[in-house]
Amino acid sequence: MKNIHHGGSNAVYGLGFIGAAVYFISQATTFWLGVLGFLKAIVWPAFLVYEALKFLGK
C-alpha cells in the first residue's frame, strides 16, 4: 500500500506564517513586541478560527 502525501496545506500554512510574521512584526514598536508578534505568527490559525467563530456567533 502506498502512502501519498500532498503538501498543499503545509504550503498554505507556511505562506500564512510568513504573511502573519511580516504583519505582526511591522506593527511592533519595540523589540519585545516584535518577539510577541513572531509568537503570534506561529499560532495565527488559532486567531483566525477564534475570530470566525465569534463572527458566526458560536
N, C-alpha and C. Protein backbone atom coordinates (compact mmCIF):
# COMPACT_ATOMS: atom_id res chain seq x y z
N MET A 1 0.84 -1.18 0.00
CA MET A 1 0.00 0.00 0.00
C MET A 1 0.89 1.24 0.00
N LYS A 2 0.60 2.16 -0.89
CA LYS A 2 1.37 3.39 -1.00
C LYS A 2 0.76 4.48 -0.13
N ASN A 3 1.63 5.25 0.48
CA ASN A 3 1.21 6.46 1.18
C ASN A 3 1.53 7.65 0.29
N ILE A 4 0.52 8.41 -0.05
CA ILE A 4 0.72 9.58 -0.88
C ILE A 4 0.44 10.81 -0.02
N HIS A 5 1.42 11.68 0.04
CA HIS A 5 1.29 12.89 0.85
C HIS A 5 1.25 14.10 -0.07
N HIS A 6 0.32 14.95 0.19
CA HIS A 6 0.21 16.20 -0.56
C HIS A 6 0.57 17.34 0.39
N GLY A 7 1.46 18.21 -0.02
CA GLY A 7 1.96 19.27 0.84
C GLY A 7 1.24 20.59 0.68
N GLY A 8 0.06 20.57 0.12
CA GLY A 8 -0.66 21.82 -0.11
C GLY A 8 -0.98 22.57 1.15
N SER A 9 -1.42 21.87 2.18
CA SER A 9 -1.77 22.56 3.41
C SER A 9 -0.53 23.11 4.11
N ASN A 10 0.59 22.42 3.98
CA ASN A 10 1.83 22.94 4.56
C ASN A 10 2.26 24.22 3.87
N ALA A 11 2.08 24.29 2.57
CA ALA A 11 2.44 25.49 1.82
C ALA A 11 1.55 26.66 2.23
N VAL A 12 0.26 26.40 2.40
CA VAL A 12 -0.67 27.46 2.81
C VAL A 12 -0.31 27.95 4.20
N TYR A 13 -0.04 27.03 5.11
CA TYR A 13 0.36 27.44 6.46
C TYR A 13 1.66 28.22 6.43
N GLY A 14 2.62 27.78 5.63
CA GLY A 14 3.90 28.47 5.54
C GLY A 14 3.76 29.88 5.00
N LEU A 15 2.98 30.04 3.94
CA LEU A 15 2.76 31.38 3.40
C LEU A 15 1.98 32.25 4.40
N GLY A 16 1.02 31.64 5.07
CA GLY A 16 0.28 32.38 6.10
C GLY A 16 1.17 32.80 7.24
N PHE A 17 2.10 31.91 7.62
CA PHE A 17 3.05 32.24 8.69
C PHE A 17 3.92 33.43 8.29
N ILE A 18 4.43 33.39 7.07
CA ILE A 18 5.29 34.49 6.61
C ILE A 18 4.50 35.80 6.57
N GLY A 19 3.29 35.75 6.04
CA GLY A 19 2.47 36.96 5.98
C GLY A 19 2.12 37.48 7.36
N ALA A 20 1.77 36.57 8.28
CA ALA A 20 1.44 36.99 9.64
C ALA A 20 2.66 37.56 10.35
N ALA A 21 3.81 36.93 10.14
CA ALA A 21 5.04 37.42 10.77
C ALA A 21 5.37 38.82 10.28
N VAL A 22 5.28 39.04 8.98
CA VAL A 22 5.55 40.37 8.43
C VAL A 22 4.57 41.38 9.01
N TYR A 23 3.29 41.02 9.05
CA TYR A 23 2.28 41.96 9.56
C TYR A 23 2.52 42.28 11.04
N PHE A 24 2.61 41.24 11.88
CA PHE A 24 2.73 41.47 13.32
C PHE A 24 4.05 42.17 13.67
N ILE A 25 5.14 41.79 13.02
CA ILE A 25 6.43 42.42 13.33
C ILE A 25 6.46 43.86 12.83
N SER A 26 5.82 44.13 11.70
CA SER A 26 5.83 45.51 11.19
C SER A 26 5.00 46.44 12.08
N GLN A 27 4.05 45.89 12.82
CA GLN A 27 3.24 46.69 13.74
C GLN A 27 3.93 46.93 15.08
N ALA A 28 5.02 46.20 15.35
CA ALA A 28 5.70 46.29 16.64
C ALA A 28 6.49 47.59 16.74
N THR A 29 6.44 48.18 17.92
CA THR A 29 7.18 49.42 18.15
C THR A 29 8.42 49.20 19.00
N THR A 30 8.53 48.03 19.64
CA THR A 30 9.71 47.70 20.43
C THR A 30 10.17 46.29 20.06
N PHE A 31 11.36 45.94 20.51
CA PHE A 31 11.91 44.62 20.23
C PHE A 31 11.01 43.53 20.80
N TRP A 32 10.55 43.69 22.03
CA TRP A 32 9.76 42.64 22.68
C TRP A 32 8.38 42.51 22.05
N LEU A 33 7.83 43.59 21.54
CA LEU A 33 6.58 43.47 20.79
C LEU A 33 6.82 42.75 19.46
N GLY A 34 8.02 42.89 18.91
CA GLY A 34 8.38 42.14 17.72
C GLY A 34 8.48 40.65 18.01
N VAL A 35 9.05 40.31 19.17
CA VAL A 35 9.12 38.90 19.60
C VAL A 35 7.70 38.37 19.79
N LEU A 36 6.85 39.14 20.44
CA LEU A 36 5.46 38.73 20.62
C LEU A 36 4.76 38.57 19.27
N GLY A 37 5.05 39.45 18.35
CA GLY A 37 4.49 39.34 17.00
C GLY A 37 4.91 38.05 16.32
N PHE A 38 6.17 37.66 16.49
CA PHE A 38 6.64 36.39 15.93
C PHE A 38 5.90 35.22 16.54
N LEU A 39 5.70 35.24 17.85
CA LEU A 39 4.96 34.16 18.52
C LEU A 39 3.51 34.12 18.05
N LYS A 40 2.91 35.28 17.85
CA LYS A 40 1.54 35.33 17.32
C LYS A 40 1.48 34.75 15.92
N ALA A 41 2.51 34.99 15.13
CA ALA A 41 2.54 34.47 13.77
C ALA A 41 2.57 32.95 13.76
N ILE A 42 3.17 32.35 14.77
CA ILE A 42 3.22 30.88 14.85
C ILE A 42 1.81 30.31 15.04
N VAL A 43 0.98 30.98 15.81
CA VAL A 43 -0.35 30.45 16.13
C VAL A 43 -1.48 31.20 15.42
N TRP A 44 -1.18 31.83 14.27
CA TRP A 44 -2.20 32.62 13.59
C TRP A 44 -3.45 31.84 13.25
N PRO A 45 -3.41 30.53 12.94
CA PRO A 45 -4.67 29.83 12.65
C PRO A 45 -5.64 29.83 13.84
N ALA A 46 -5.09 29.81 15.05
CA ALA A 46 -5.96 29.85 16.23
C ALA A 46 -6.70 31.18 16.30
N PHE A 47 -6.03 32.28 16.00
CA PHE A 47 -6.69 33.59 15.96
C PHE A 47 -7.78 33.61 14.89
N LEU A 48 -7.47 33.04 13.74
CA LEU A 48 -8.42 33.01 12.63
C LEU A 48 -9.69 32.25 13.00
N VAL A 49 -9.53 31.07 13.56
CA VAL A 49 -10.69 30.25 13.95
C VAL A 49 -11.49 30.94 15.05
N TYR A 50 -10.81 31.51 16.03
CA TYR A 50 -11.49 32.21 17.12
C TYR A 50 -12.34 33.36 16.59
N GLU A 51 -11.75 34.18 15.73
CA GLU A 51 -12.50 35.33 15.20
C GLU A 51 -13.64 34.88 14.29
N ALA A 52 -13.44 33.80 13.53
CA ALA A 52 -14.50 33.30 12.66
C ALA A 52 -15.68 32.79 13.49
N LEU A 53 -15.39 32.06 14.56
CA LEU A 53 -16.48 31.55 15.40
C LEU A 53 -17.17 32.69 16.14
N LYS A 54 -16.41 33.70 16.55
CA LYS A 54 -17.01 34.86 17.22
C LYS A 54 -17.93 35.58 16.24
N PHE A 55 -17.51 35.71 15.00
CA PHE A 55 -18.32 36.37 13.97
C PHE A 55 -19.59 35.59 13.68
N LEU A 56 -19.49 34.27 13.67
CA LEU A 56 -20.64 33.43 13.39
C LEU A 56 -21.58 33.27 14.58
N GLY A 57 -21.15 33.76 15.73
CA GLY A 57 -21.99 33.72 16.92
C GLY A 57 -22.03 32.38 17.61
N LYS A 58 -20.98 31.62 17.50
CA LYS A 58 -20.93 30.29 18.13
C LYS A 58 -20.35 30.39 19.51
